[in-house]
N, C-alpha and C. Protein backbone atom coordinates (compact mmCIF):
# COMPACT_ATOMS: atom_id res chain seq x y z
N MET A 1 0.80 -1.28 0.33
CA MET A 1 -0.22 -0.27 0.16
C MET A 1 1.39 1.32 0.43
N ARG A 2 0.06 2.10 -0.83
CA ARG A 2 1.49 3.82 -1.07
C ARG A 2 1.34 4.45 -0.06
N ARG A 3 2.09 4.95 0.77
CA ARG A 3 1.80 6.44 1.35
C ARG A 3 1.56 7.64 0.95
N VAL A 4 0.21 8.58 1.87
CA VAL A 4 0.47 9.65 0.93
C VAL A 4 1.41 10.38 1.61
N THR A 5 1.66 11.51 1.36
CA THR A 5 2.85 12.12 1.85
C THR A 5 2.23 13.74 2.39
N HIS A 6 2.95 13.88 3.26
CA HIS A 6 2.25 15.47 3.90
C HIS A 6 1.85 16.34 3.17
N TRP A 7 2.65 16.83 1.74
CA TRP A 7 2.68 17.83 0.43
C TRP A 7 1.09 17.68 0.13
N SER A 8 0.73 16.31 -0.20
CA SER A 8 -0.40 16.06 -0.84
C SER A 8 -1.74 17.07 -0.52
N PRO A 9 -2.38 17.48 0.64
CA PRO A 9 -3.03 18.71 0.44
C PRO A 9 -2.96 19.42 0.05
N PHE A 10 -1.60 20.28 0.26
CA PHE A 10 -1.01 21.63 -0.77
C PHE A 10 -1.43 21.24 -2.00
N PHE A 11 -0.78 20.31 -2.85
CA PHE A 11 -0.44 20.30 -3.93
C PHE A 11 -2.19 20.36 -4.47
N ILE A 12 -3.11 19.59 -4.00
CA ILE A 12 -4.68 19.43 -4.17
C ILE A 12 -5.29 21.11 -4.13
N ALA A 13 -4.46 21.62 -3.21
CA ALA A 13 -5.43 23.02 -2.88
C ALA A 13 -4.87 23.94 -4.06
N GLY A 14 -3.65 23.57 -4.10
CA GLY A 14 -3.13 24.59 -5.34
C GLY A 14 -3.99 24.12 -6.81
N ILE A 15 -3.75 23.36 -6.82
CA ILE A 15 -4.50 22.98 -8.11
C ILE A 15 -6.35 23.86 -8.08
N ILE A 16 -6.98 23.43 -6.97
CA ILE A 16 -8.37 23.64 -6.63
C ILE A 16 -8.11 25.41 -7.06
N PHE A 17 -7.13 25.94 -6.13
CA PHE A 17 -6.68 27.51 -6.44
C PHE A 17 -6.68 27.99 -7.70
N TRP A 18 -5.49 27.57 -8.24
CA TRP A 18 -5.52 27.83 -9.77
C TRP A 18 -6.77 27.61 -10.91
N GLY A 19 -7.27 26.56 -10.71
CA GLY A 19 -8.46 26.17 -11.35
C GLY A 19 -9.39 27.71 -11.58
N GLY A 20 -9.51 27.80 -9.92
CA GLY A 20 -10.75 28.90 -9.55
C GLY A 20 -9.90 29.97 -10.16
N PHE A 21 -8.62 30.45 -9.56
CA PHE A 21 -8.23 31.62 -10.43
C PHE A 21 -8.67 31.60 -12.10
N SER A 22 -8.15 30.58 -12.37
CA SER A 22 -8.07 30.84 -13.98
C SER A 22 -9.65 31.11 -14.39
N ILE A 23 -10.38 30.09 -13.74
CA ILE A 23 -11.77 30.18 -14.26
C ILE A 23 -12.30 31.80 -14.05
N GLY A 24 -12.20 32.28 -12.98
CA GLY A 24 -12.21 33.81 -12.69
C GLY A 24 -11.62 35.13 -13.61
N MET A 25 -10.41 34.40 -13.57
CA MET A 25 -9.35 35.38 -14.77
C MET A 25 -10.52 35.43 -16.20
N GLU A 26 -10.95 34.51 -16.54
CA GLU A 26 -11.52 34.01 -18.21
C GLU A 26 -12.94 34.71 -18.03
N MET A 27 -13.84 34.50 -16.74
CA MET A 27 -15.06 35.37 -16.32
C MET A 27 -15.12 36.49 -16.82
N LYS A 28 -14.17 37.44 -16.10
CA LYS A 28 -13.77 38.79 -16.12
C LYS A 28 -13.17 39.48 -17.45
N SER A 29 -12.85 38.45 -18.27
CA SER A 29 -12.50 38.75 -19.43
C SER A 29 -13.45 38.42 -20.86
N ARG A 30 -14.72 38.12 -20.20
CA ARG A 30 -15.92 38.36 -21.15
C ARG A 30 -16.48 40.04 -21.51
N GLU A 31 -17.31 39.76 -22.40
CA GLU A 31 -17.83 41.26 -23.25
C GLU A 31 -18.89 41.75 -21.83
N GLU A 32 -19.70 40.28 -21.43
CA GLU A 32 -20.88 40.86 -20.43
C GLU A 32 -19.92 41.59 -18.80
N PHE A 33 -18.85 40.52 -18.34
CA PHE A 33 -18.37 41.34 -17.39
C PHE A 33 -17.88 42.84 -17.80
N CYS A 34 -17.68 43.17 -18.95
CA CYS A 34 -16.90 45.01 -19.35
C CYS A 34 -18.33 45.82 -19.63
N ILE A 35 -18.92 45.32 -19.63
CA ILE A 35 -20.20 46.09 -20.17
C ILE A 35 -20.90 46.11 -18.51
N GLY A 36 -20.90 45.57 -18.08
CA GLY A 36 -21.66 44.91 -16.93
C GLY A 36 -21.70 46.42 -15.90
N CYS A 37 -20.95 47.46 -16.18
CA CYS A 37 -21.02 49.00 -15.42
C CYS A 37 -21.66 49.68 -16.51
N HIS A 38 -22.59 50.63 -16.07
CA HIS A 38 -23.21 51.83 -16.62
C HIS A 38 -22.32 52.73 -17.13
N GLU A 39 -21.32 52.59 -16.57
CA GLU A 39 -20.22 53.86 -17.57
C GLU A 39 -19.92 52.85 -18.94
N MET A 40 -19.57 51.84 -19.08
CA MET A 40 -19.59 51.07 -20.26
C MET A 40 -20.47 51.07 -21.25
N GLN A 41 -21.77 50.32 -20.60
CA GLN A 41 -22.91 50.39 -21.28
C GLN A 41 -23.54 51.60 -21.98
N ASP A 42 -23.28 52.72 -21.49
CA ASP A 42 -24.14 53.73 -21.53
C ASP A 42 -23.35 54.77 -22.44
N ASN A 43 -21.73 54.21 -22.65
CA ASN A 43 -20.63 55.21 -23.14
C ASN A 43 -20.18 54.52 -24.37
N VAL A 44 -19.10 54.05 -24.50
CA VAL A 44 -18.15 53.19 -25.27
C VAL A 44 -19.15 52.02 -25.92
N TYR A 45 -19.93 51.43 -25.20
CA TYR A 45 -20.31 49.97 -25.58
C TYR A 45 -21.45 50.67 -27.14
N GLN A 46 -22.17 51.57 -26.59
CA GLN A 46 -22.94 52.29 -27.84
C GLN A 46 -22.26 52.84 -28.70
N GLU A 47 -21.49 53.43 -28.26
CA GLU A 47 -20.65 53.52 -29.93
C GLU A 47 -19.97 52.58 -30.73
N TYR A 48 -19.15 51.46 -29.58
CA TYR A 48 -18.64 50.31 -30.40
C TYR A 48 -19.83 49.30 -31.38
N VAL A 49 -21.44 49.58 -30.72
CA VAL A 49 -22.33 48.70 -31.63
C VAL A 49 -22.57 49.24 -33.01
N GLY A 50 -22.08 50.82 -33.32
CA GLY A 50 -22.06 51.19 -34.65
C GLY A 50 -20.96 51.06 -35.58
N THR A 51 -20.32 49.59 -34.93
CA THR A 51 -18.87 50.20 -36.00
C THR A 51 -19.13 48.53 -36.09
N ILE A 52 -17.96 48.85 -37.28
CA ILE A 52 -17.91 47.56 -38.60
C ILE A 52 -17.07 46.61 -37.53
N HIS A 53 -16.65 46.53 -36.22
CA HIS A 53 -16.33 45.21 -35.55
C HIS A 53 -17.18 45.01 -34.62
N TYR A 54 -18.60 45.44 -34.58
CA TYR A 54 -19.87 44.68 -34.05
C TYR A 54 -20.50 44.00 -35.19
N SER A 55 -20.53 44.57 -36.47
CA SER A 55 -21.60 43.76 -37.53
C SER A 55 -21.08 44.35 -38.48
N ASN A 56 -20.64 43.49 -39.38
CA ASN A 56 -20.12 43.43 -40.52
C ASN A 56 -20.70 41.98 -41.31
N ARG A 57 -20.05 42.07 -42.41
CA ARG A 57 -20.61 41.32 -43.91
C ARG A 57 -20.26 39.90 -43.45
N SER A 58 -19.12 39.67 -43.13
CA SER A 58 -18.49 37.99 -42.62
C SER A 58 -19.15 37.83 -41.35
N GLY A 59 -19.75 38.46 -40.46
CA GLY A 59 -20.41 38.07 -39.28
C GLY A 59 -19.35 37.46 -38.12
N VAL A 60 -17.61 38.47 -38.39
CA VAL A 60 -16.85 38.17 -37.24
C VAL A 60 -16.98 39.39 -36.56
N ARG A 61 -17.17 39.09 -35.16
CA ARG A 61 -17.24 40.31 -34.18
C ARG A 61 -16.37 40.28 -33.12
N ALA A 62 -15.82 41.77 -32.95
CA ALA A 62 -14.09 41.88 -32.12
C ALA A 62 -14.97 41.86 -30.84
N THR A 63 -15.30 41.44 -29.34
CA THR A 63 -15.69 41.78 -28.50
C THR A 63 -14.62 42.79 -27.66
N CYS A 64 -15.67 43.60 -26.61
CA CYS A 64 -14.09 44.33 -25.74
C CYS A 64 -13.24 43.37 -25.66
N PRO A 65 -13.09 42.27 -25.43
CA PRO A 65 -11.93 41.85 -24.32
C PRO A 65 -10.46 41.28 -25.37
N ASP A 66 -11.68 41.20 -26.94
CA ASP A 66 -10.86 40.95 -28.05
C ASP A 66 -9.72 42.12 -28.06
N CYS A 67 -10.03 43.81 -28.02
CA CYS A 67 -8.93 44.57 -28.22
C CYS A 67 -8.78 45.22 -26.91
N HIS A 68 -8.53 45.03 -25.73
CA HIS A 68 -8.39 45.61 -24.50
C HIS A 68 -7.99 44.28 -23.38
N VAL A 69 -7.94 43.05 -23.80
CA VAL A 69 -7.36 42.17 -22.61
C VAL A 69 -6.27 41.55 -24.00
N PRO A 70 -5.39 41.10 -23.40
CA PRO A 70 -4.59 40.26 -24.14
C PRO A 70 -4.34 39.24 -24.04
N LYS A 71 -4.35 38.35 -24.94
CA LYS A 71 -4.64 36.51 -24.67
C LYS A 71 -3.31 36.18 -24.24
N GLU A 72 -2.05 36.21 -24.02
CA GLU A 72 -1.17 35.77 -23.39
C GLU A 72 -1.02 35.56 -21.94
N TRP A 73 -0.77 35.00 -21.22
CA TRP A 73 -0.78 35.20 -19.78
C TRP A 73 -0.54 36.33 -19.29
N GLY A 74 1.03 36.33 -18.91
CA GLY A 74 1.82 38.15 -18.43
C GLY A 74 1.04 39.03 -18.55
N PRO A 75 0.86 39.01 -20.02
CA PRO A 75 0.30 40.72 -19.99
C PRO A 75 -0.66 40.67 -19.82
N LYS A 76 -1.69 39.70 -19.59
CA LYS A 76 -3.52 39.56 -19.84
C LYS A 76 -2.98 40.41 -17.92
N MET A 77 -2.35 39.25 -16.93
CA MET A 77 -2.18 39.52 -15.91
C MET A 77 -1.76 41.38 -15.05
N ILE A 78 -0.88 41.72 -16.33
CA ILE A 78 -0.48 43.39 -16.18
C ILE A 78 -1.62 43.89 -16.44
N ARG A 79 -2.31 43.87 -17.61
CA ARG A 79 -3.63 44.63 -18.02
C ARG A 79 -4.75 44.35 -16.79
N LYS A 80 -5.04 43.69 -16.16
CA LYS A 80 -5.63 43.04 -15.34
C LYS A 80 -5.14 44.00 -13.83
N ILE A 81 -4.38 44.08 -13.81
CA ILE A 81 -3.75 44.88 -12.59
C ILE A 81 -4.07 46.82 -12.57
N GLN A 82 -3.58 46.80 -13.96
CA GLN A 82 -3.89 48.45 -14.62
C GLN A 82 -5.37 48.57 -14.72
N ALA A 83 -6.19 47.64 -15.32
CA ALA A 83 -8.21 47.64 -15.23
C ALA A 83 -8.20 48.15 -13.52
N SER A 84 -7.16 47.40 -12.44
CA SER A 84 -7.72 48.34 -11.25
C SER A 84 -8.10 49.69 -10.92
N LYS A 85 -7.43 50.46 -12.04
CA LYS A 85 -7.64 52.01 -11.85
C LYS A 85 -8.90 51.99 -12.70
N GLU A 86 -9.39 51.41 -12.87
CA GLU A 86 -10.91 51.84 -13.87
C GLU A 86 -11.75 51.20 -13.08
N LEU A 87 -11.44 50.16 -11.90
CA LEU A 87 -12.32 49.86 -11.04
C LEU A 87 -12.41 50.55 -9.84
N TYR A 88 -11.55 51.45 -9.65
CA TYR A 88 -11.14 52.87 -8.63
C TYR A 88 -12.16 53.86 -8.96
N ALA A 89 -12.16 54.12 -10.01
CA ALA A 89 -12.53 55.03 -11.10
C ALA A 89 -14.45 54.61 -10.93
N LYS A 90 -14.61 53.66 -11.31
CA LYS A 90 -15.78 53.10 -10.57
C LYS A 90 -16.56 53.38 -9.73
N ALA A 91 -15.74 52.47 -8.44
CA ALA A 91 -16.02 52.81 -6.95
C ALA A 91 -16.13 54.19 -6.36
N PHE A 92 -15.30 55.33 -6.55
CA PHE A 92 -15.14 56.55 -6.15
C PHE A 92 -16.32 57.83 -6.92
N GLY A 93 -16.96 57.10 -8.31
CA GLY A 93 -17.49 58.26 -9.06
C GLY A 93 -17.07 59.01 -9.56
N ILE A 94 -15.79 58.93 -9.85
CA ILE A 94 -15.15 59.59 -11.00
C ILE A 94 -15.30 59.58 -12.76
N VAL A 95 -16.28 58.22 -12.80
CA VAL A 95 -16.32 58.40 -14.44
C VAL A 95 -18.37 57.87 -14.67
N ASP A 96 -18.68 58.34 -12.85
CA ASP A 96 -20.36 57.72 -13.08
C ASP A 96 -21.16 58.43 -13.47
N THR A 97 -20.91 59.32 -14.48
CA THR A 97 -22.03 60.31 -15.16
C THR A 97 -21.31 60.74 -16.36
N PRO A 98 -22.28 60.67 -17.57
CA PRO A 98 -21.99 60.89 -18.98
C PRO A 98 -20.69 62.29 -19.24
N GLN A 99 -21.29 63.11 -18.33
CA GLN A 99 -20.69 64.42 -18.21
C GLN A 99 -18.72 64.25 -17.79
N LYS A 100 -18.78 63.05 -16.58
CA LYS A 100 -17.45 62.66 -15.96
C LYS A 100 -16.87 61.84 -16.80
N PHE A 101 -17.25 61.09 -17.44
CA PHE A 101 -16.89 60.06 -18.66
C PHE A 101 -16.10 60.93 -19.62
N GLU A 102 -16.97 61.57 -20.25
CA GLU A 102 -16.47 62.67 -21.23
C GLU A 102 -15.26 63.50 -20.67
N ASP A 103 -15.42 63.91 -19.74
CA ASP A 103 -13.93 64.79 -18.75
C ASP A 103 -12.93 64.07 -18.53
N HIS A 104 -13.12 62.14 -18.76
CA HIS A 104 -11.76 61.71 -18.13
C HIS A 104 -11.53 60.82 -19.54
N ARG A 105 -12.63 60.89 -20.68
CA ARG A 105 -12.75 60.03 -22.14
C ARG A 105 -10.84 59.93 -22.12
N LEU A 106 -10.24 61.88 -22.56
CA LEU A 106 -8.70 61.42 -23.30
C LEU A 106 -7.76 61.08 -22.54
N GLU A 107 -7.56 61.24 -21.37
CA GLU A 107 -7.11 60.66 -20.66
C GLU A 107 -7.12 59.14 -20.51
N MET A 108 -8.14 58.64 -20.46
CA MET A 108 -8.62 57.30 -20.78
C MET A 108 -7.85 56.36 -21.81
N ALA A 109 -8.68 57.17 -22.98
CA ALA A 109 -8.19 56.46 -24.00
C ALA A 109 -7.00 56.75 -25.00
N THR A 110 -5.95 57.88 -23.94
CA THR A 110 -4.64 57.55 -24.23
C THR A 110 -3.42 56.99 -23.50
N ARG A 111 -4.37 56.68 -22.46
CA ARG A 111 -3.66 55.64 -21.47
C ARG A 111 -3.79 54.23 -22.11
N GLU A 112 -4.99 53.76 -23.35
CA GLU A 112 -5.12 52.98 -24.18
C GLU A 112 -4.43 52.69 -25.22
N TRP A 113 -4.32 53.99 -25.81
CA TRP A 113 -3.31 54.23 -27.20
C TRP A 113 -2.03 53.62 -26.77
N ASN A 114 -1.85 54.04 -25.57
CA ASN A 114 0.08 53.85 -25.32
C ASN A 114 0.27 52.47 -25.02
N ARG A 115 -0.53 51.72 -24.30
CA ARG A 115 -0.24 50.18 -24.01
C ARG A 115 -0.43 49.95 -25.49
N MET A 116 -2.03 50.24 -26.49
CA MET A 116 -1.20 49.24 -27.73
C MET A 116 -0.23 49.78 -28.71
N LYS A 117 0.29 51.10 -28.39
CA LYS A 117 1.48 51.05 -29.16
C LYS A 117 2.43 50.65 -28.79
N ALA A 118 2.71 50.70 -27.19
CA ALA A 118 4.01 49.59 -26.93
C ALA A 118 3.64 48.05 -26.94
N ASN A 119 2.68 47.84 -27.27
CA ASN A 119 2.64 46.19 -27.46
C ASN A 119 2.51 45.81 -28.81
N ASP A 120 2.86 46.92 -30.13
CA ASP A 120 2.86 46.96 -31.23
C ASP A 120 1.31 46.48 -31.81
N SER A 121 0.66 47.13 -31.11
CA SER A 121 -1.03 46.84 -31.38
C SER A 121 -1.65 45.20 -31.69
N GLN A 122 -0.83 44.47 -30.69
CA GLN A 122 -0.98 42.98 -30.50
C GLN A 122 -2.58 42.40 -30.95
N GLU A 123 -3.53 43.11 -30.40
CA GLU A 123 -4.73 42.76 -30.28
C GLU A 123 -5.18 42.47 -31.52
N CYS A 124 -5.00 43.67 -32.36
CA CYS A 124 -5.55 44.27 -33.70
C CYS A 124 -5.11 42.91 -34.23
N ARG A 125 -3.61 42.68 -34.18
CA ARG A 125 -2.82 42.12 -34.78
C ARG A 125 -3.37 40.19 -34.68
N ASN A 126 -4.07 39.88 -33.69
CA ASN A 126 -4.69 38.83 -33.40
C ASN A 126 -5.31 38.56 -34.79
N CYS A 127 -6.17 39.93 -35.65
CA CYS A 127 -7.03 39.24 -36.49
C CYS A 127 -6.77 40.24 -37.80
N HIS A 128 -5.91 41.23 -37.54
CA HIS A 128 -5.22 42.04 -38.88
C HIS A 128 -3.81 42.10 -38.73
N ASN A 129 -3.40 41.28 -39.89
CA ASN A 129 -1.92 41.33 -39.74
C ASN A 129 -1.21 41.56 -41.24
N PHE A 130 -0.48 42.52 -40.77
CA PHE A 130 0.62 42.81 -42.32
C PHE A 130 0.86 41.92 -43.13
N GLU A 131 1.51 40.66 -42.40
CA GLU A 131 1.78 39.44 -43.32
C GLU A 131 0.63 38.84 -44.24
N PHE A 132 -0.25 38.60 -43.99
CA PHE A 132 -1.77 38.25 -44.45
C PHE A 132 -2.11 39.06 -45.46
N MET A 133 -2.01 40.58 -45.31
CA MET A 133 -2.57 41.13 -45.86
C MET A 133 -2.78 40.89 -47.63
N ASP A 134 -3.72 41.15 -48.58
CA ASP A 134 -3.47 40.82 -49.66
C ASP A 134 -4.05 42.52 -50.31
N PHE A 135 -2.54 43.34 -50.24
CA PHE A 135 -2.91 45.02 -50.36
C PHE A 135 -3.73 45.12 -51.99
N SER A 136 -3.26 44.37 -52.93
CA SER A 136 -4.12 44.71 -54.35
C SER A 136 -5.69 44.33 -53.88
N ALA A 137 -5.74 43.92 -52.91
CA ALA A 137 -7.76 44.06 -52.73
C ALA A 137 -8.57 44.92 -52.33
N HIS A 138 -6.96 45.58 -51.65
CA HIS A 138 -7.50 47.07 -50.77
C HIS A 138 -7.64 48.01 -52.32
N LYS A 139 -8.21 48.76 -51.51
CA LYS A 139 -8.56 50.39 -52.20
C LYS A 139 -6.95 50.86 -52.19
N SER A 140 -6.62 51.65 -53.53
CA SER A 140 -5.20 52.22 -53.54
C SER A 140 -4.49 53.02 -52.51
N VAL A 141 -5.57 53.57 -51.81
CA VAL A 141 -4.84 54.42 -50.90
C VAL A 141 -4.50 53.98 -49.76
N ALA A 142 -5.22 52.80 -49.12
CA ALA A 142 -5.64 52.08 -48.48
C ALA A 142 -3.76 51.03 -48.31
N ALA A 143 -4.08 50.66 -49.63
CA ALA A 143 -2.86 49.93 -49.90
C ALA A 143 -1.70 50.79 -49.70
N ASN A 144 -1.65 51.35 -50.32
CA ASN A 144 -0.12 52.78 -50.44
C ASN A 144 0.31 52.64 -48.38
N VAL A 145 -1.40 53.39 -48.02
CA VAL A 145 -0.85 53.71 -46.70
C VAL A 145 -0.31 52.52 -45.51
N HIS A 146 -0.86 51.23 -45.97
CA HIS A 146 -0.35 50.04 -45.20
C HIS A 146 1.09 49.70 -45.30
N ASP A 147 1.07 49.89 -46.67
CA ASP A 147 2.25 49.22 -47.41
C ASP A 147 3.83 50.44 -46.36
N LYS A 148 3.45 51.54 -46.45
CA LYS A 148 4.06 52.43 -46.00
C LYS A 148 4.32 52.35 -44.85
N ALA A 149 3.26 52.09 -43.84
CA ALA A 149 2.88 51.94 -42.80
C ALA A 149 3.66 50.53 -42.09
N GLU A 150 3.50 49.68 -42.62
CA GLU A 150 4.51 48.27 -42.85
C GLU A 150 6.26 48.86 -42.62
N GLU A 151 6.89 50.03 -43.23
CA GLU A 151 7.85 49.78 -44.20
C GLU A 151 8.71 50.49 -43.20
N VAL A 152 8.00 51.70 -42.24
CA VAL A 152 7.96 52.56 -41.34
C VAL A 152 8.34 52.15 -40.12
N GLY A 153 7.97 50.92 -40.04
CA GLY A 153 7.45 50.60 -38.69
C GLY A 153 6.29 50.98 -37.60
N GLN A 154 5.11 51.28 -38.39
CA GLN A 154 4.00 51.85 -37.60
C GLN A 154 2.91 50.94 -37.16
N THR A 155 2.23 50.93 -35.96
CA THR A 155 1.67 50.18 -35.95
C THR A 155 0.35 50.57 -35.88
N CYS A 156 -0.70 49.52 -35.62
CA CYS A 156 -2.29 50.18 -35.92
C CYS A 156 -2.88 51.17 -35.43
N ILE A 157 -2.66 51.41 -33.91
CA ILE A 157 -3.07 52.40 -33.38
C ILE A 157 -3.01 53.98 -33.84
N ASP A 158 -1.38 53.74 -34.16
CA ASP A 158 -0.68 55.08 -34.96
C ASP A 158 -2.31 55.84 -35.76
N CYS A 159 -2.95 54.73 -36.58
CA CYS A 159 -4.01 55.64 -37.51
C CYS A 159 -4.95 55.31 -37.83
N HIS A 160 -5.34 54.44 -36.49
CA HIS A 160 -6.34 53.42 -36.37
C HIS A 160 -7.31 54.21 -34.91
N LYS A 161 -6.97 55.58 -34.44
CA LYS A 161 -8.33 55.77 -32.98
C LYS A 161 -9.34 56.36 -33.48
N GLY A 162 -9.92 55.85 -32.84
CA GLY A 162 -11.70 56.29 -33.25
C GLY A 162 -11.82 55.23 -34.00
N ILE A 163 -11.54 54.21 -34.59
CA ILE A 163 -12.13 52.94 -35.23
C ILE A 163 -13.89 52.49 -34.52
N ALA A 164 -13.30 51.86 -32.94
CA ALA A 164 -14.09 51.32 -32.50
C ALA A 164 -15.04 52.11 -31.33
N HIS A 165 -14.57 53.29 -31.03
CA HIS A 165 -15.01 54.31 -30.01
C HIS A 165 -14.74 55.89 -30.78
N LYS A 166 -16.02 56.75 -30.28
CA LYS A 166 -15.71 58.32 -31.04
C LYS A 166 -14.10 58.88 -30.28
N LEU A 167 -14.07 59.50 -30.89
CA LEU A 167 -12.27 60.38 -30.20
C LEU A 167 -12.69 61.13 -29.30
N PRO A 168 -11.98 61.25 -27.98
CA PRO A 168 -12.50 62.53 -27.14
C PRO A 168 -12.15 63.45 -27.31
N ARG A 169 -13.39 64.59 -27.21
CA ARG A 169 -12.40 65.97 -27.40
C ARG A 169 -11.42 66.60 -27.13
N ASN A 170 -10.90 67.54 -27.82
CA ASN A 170 -9.67 68.04 -27.47
C ASN A 170 -8.85 67.16 -28.12
N HIS A 171 -8.49 65.87 -28.46
CA HIS A 171 -7.80 64.97 -29.18
C HIS A 171 -7.76 65.53 -30.81
N ASP A 172 -6.73 65.96 -30.84
CA ASP A 172 -6.00 66.49 -32.12
C ASP A 172 -6.52 65.02 -33.23
N ALA A 173 -7.52 65.32 -34.12
CA ALA A 173 -8.25 64.40 -35.36
C ALA A 173 -7.49 64.17 -36.07
N SER A 174 -6.28 65.23 -36.38
CA SER A 174 -5.40 65.46 -37.30
C SER A 174 -4.55 63.92 -37.54
N LYS A 175 -4.21 63.39 -36.28
CA LYS A 175 -3.39 62.48 -35.68
C LYS A 175 -3.74 61.08 -35.84
N ALA A 176 -5.14 60.85 -36.68
CA ALA A 176 -6.12 59.81 -36.31
C ALA A 176 -7.02 59.58 -37.88
N PHE A 177 -6.79 58.66 -38.67
CA PHE A 177 -7.93 58.46 -39.66
C PHE A 177 -9.18 58.47 -39.14
N GLN A 178 -9.83 58.93 -39.89
CA GLN A 178 -11.87 59.10 -39.31
C GLN A 178 -11.94 57.79 -40.26
N PHE A 179 -12.30 56.87 -39.97
CA PHE A 179 -13.24 55.63 -40.59
C PHE A 179 -14.94 55.93 -40.32
């Protein structure tokens, strides 16, 4: 008969903890969780519903986490820690009205644009990748711009600010294409 060692309960507890933690992280990386706050439901979600990322001819939908939550474990944990600032803003009423949300929109958008710039727009590239783009199928202007962007090392967010949400007031719109 095999003897059970003293570390077995810790091993089992670790598996249970890790499983619960992983399930919790995945549940908090779903669109339903993202729009659970009226600040998101009433503001940026309503803007997103009117975009090609929500409804398009292919039927492929990019949800909030597809753009705002990295898929890799390490970057996802970093993003979740950063998101605690958003929870703080909700809990303390910093963005709890449309006016307050608008007052902080540029700051929040800039933080997100900087994050996307720093990771080479990885979440965009999960679906859109220069390597797989057929520039000959693009309109000539788009093909030229994408070809040049690839050459000079630009990333998606350099040009596509405002693609899924309206641009903040006081944002220099000349620095972003409007689609």
